[in-house]
Amino acid sequence: AIKGLREKVQLATKFGISFADGKREIRGDPAYVRAACEASLKRLDVDCIDLYYQHRVDTRVPIEAT
């Protein structure tokens, strides 16, 4: 979708909500964040995300650990 435009746009995407067994879960653990980022890079077919932000805060994980 952004092929040929990557140098002209700022790319932002978010993480923090996963779906498993038909249920929504708020997640901010480091392993999930890394996996979600890697999945976004692959899905978007890019090497870099300019702004990667947390959609919802996982109150079980200290923000500095996210």
C-alpha atoms as a PDB file:
ATOM      1  CA  ALA A   1       0.000   0.000   0.000  1.00  0.00           C
ATOM      2  CA  ILE A   2       2.881   2.367   0.623  1.00  0.00           C
ATOM      3  CA  LYS A   3       5.328   1.006  -1.938  1.00  0.00           C
ATOM      4  CA  GLY A   4       6.983   3.888  -3.731  1.00  0.00           C
ATOM      5  CA  LEU A   5       5.762   6.341  -1.089  1.00  0.00           C
ATOM      6  CA  ARG A   6       7.818   5.265   1.924  1.00  0.00           C
ATOM      7  CA  GLU A   7      10.273   8.167   1.711  1.00  0.00           C
ATOM      8  CA  LYS A   8       7.379  10.645   1.484  1.00  0.00           C
ATOM      9  CA  VAL A   9       5.342   9.525   4.500  1.00  0.00           C
ATOM     10  CA  GLN A  10       5.727   9.100   8.239  1.00  0.00           C
ATOM     11  CA  LEU A  11       4.561   5.605   9.153  1.00  0.00           C
ATOM     12  CA  ALA A  12       2.797   5.101  12.493  1.00  0.00           C
ATOM     13  CA  THR A  13       1.208   1.972  13.886  1.00  0.00           C
ATOM     14  CA  LYS A  14       0.190   0.725  17.305  1.00  0.00           C
ATOM     15  CA  PHE A  15       0.341  -2.356  19.485  1.00  0.00           C
ATOM     16  CA  GLY A  16      -1.287  -3.557  22.663  1.00  0.00           C
ATOM     17  CA  ILE A  17      -4.368  -5.581  21.776  1.00  0.00           C
ATOM     18  CA  SER A  18      -4.168  -9.250  20.915  1.00  0.00           C
ATOM     19  CA  PHE A  19      -6.925 -11.687  20.064  1.00  0.00           C
ATOM     20  CA  ALA A  20      -6.757 -15.301  21.217  1.00  0.00           C
ATOM     21  CA  ASP A  21      -9.527 -17.871  21.427  1.00  0.00           C
ATOM     22  CA  GLY A  22     -12.027 -15.226  20.364  1.00  0.00           C
ATOM     23  CA  LYS A  23     -11.127 -12.969  23.289  1.00  0.00           C
ATOM     24  CA  ARG A  24      -9.454  -9.566  23.286  1.00  0.00           C
ATOM     25  CA  GLU A  25      -6.475  -9.137  25.587  1.00  0.00           C
ATOM     26  CA  ILE A  26      -4.475  -6.018  26.460  1.00  0.00           C
ATOM     27  CA  ARG A  27      -0.763  -6.850  26.298  1.00  0.00           C
ATOM     28  CA  GLY A  28       2.361  -4.864  26.983  1.00  0.00           C
ATOM     29  CA  ASP A  29       4.905  -7.514  27.901  1.00  0.00           C
ATOM     30  CA  PRO A  30       8.230  -7.112  26.075  1.00  0.00           C
ATOM     31  CA  ALA A  31       7.965 -10.435  24.201  1.00  0.00           C
ATOM     32  CA  TYR A  32       4.543  -9.498  22.824  1.00  0.00           C
ATOM     33  CA  VAL A  33       5.680  -5.982  21.861  1.00  0.00           C
ATOM     34  CA  ARG A  34       8.655  -7.359  19.920  1.00  0.00           C
ATOM     35  CA  ALA A  35       6.536 -10.016  18.181  1.00  0.00           C
ATOM     36  CA  ALA A  36       3.834  -7.463  17.327  1.00  0.00           C
ATOM     37  CA  CYS A  37       6.436  -5.055  15.920  1.00  0.00           C
ATOM     38  CA  GLU A  38       8.038  -7.754  13.785  1.00  0.00           C
ATOM     39  CA  ALA A  39       4.591  -8.797  12.519  1.00  0.00           C
ATOM     40  CA  SER A  40       3.762  -5.171  11.630  1.00  0.00           C
ATOM     41  CA  LEU A  41       7.029  -4.756   9.727  1.00  0.00           C
ATOM     42  CA  LYS A  42       6.310  -7.909   7.754  1.00  0.00           C
ATOM     43  CA  ARG A  43       2.650  -7.055   7.114  1.00  0.00           C
ATOM     44  CA  LEU A  44       3.510  -3.528   5.986  1.00  0.00           C
ATOM     45  CA  ASP A  45       6.524  -4.777   4.002  1.00  0.00           C
ATOM     46  CA  VAL A  46       8.833  -2.109   5.441  1.00  0.00           C
ATOM     47  CA  ASP A  47      12.155  -2.062   7.305  1.00  0.00           C
ATOM     48  CA  CYS A  48      11.296   0.753   9.703  1.00  0.00           C
ATOM     49  CA  ILE A  49       8.300   2.164  11.589  1.00  0.00           C
ATOM     50  CA  ASP A  50       8.638   5.871  12.403  1.00  0.00           C
ATOM     51  CA  LEU A  51       6.204   5.923  15.334  1.00  0.00           C
ATOM     52  CA  TYR A  52       5.268   2.751  17.206  1.00  0.00           C
ATOM     53  CA  TYR A  53       2.860   3.463  20.020  1.00  0.00           C
ATOM     54  CA  GLN A  54       0.930   1.614  22.691  1.00  0.00           C
ATOM     55  CA  HIS A  55      -2.805   1.476  22.001  1.00  0.00           C
ATOM     56  CA  ARG A  56      -3.813   0.454  25.534  1.00  0.00           C
ATOM     57  CA  VAL A  57      -1.763   0.215  28.733  1.00  0.00           C
ATOM     58  CA  ASP A  58      -1.307  -3.258  30.184  1.00  0.00           C
ATOM     59  CA  THR A  59      -1.660  -2.538  33.910  1.00  0.00           C
ATOM     60  CA  ARG A  60       0.068  -5.846  34.736  1.00  0.00           C
ATOM     61  CA  VAL A  61       3.355  -4.645  33.202  1.00  0.00           C
ATOM     62  CA  PRO A  62       5.269  -1.574  34.426  1.00  0.00           C
ATOM     63  CA  ILE A  63       5.360   0.966  31.600  1.00  0.00           C
ATOM     64  CA  GLU A  64       9.156   1.131  31.736  1.00  0.00           C
ATOM     65  CA  ALA A  65       9.274  -2.645  31.077  1.00  0.00           C
ATOM     66  CA  THR A  66       7.018  -2.406  28.025  1.00  0.00           C
END
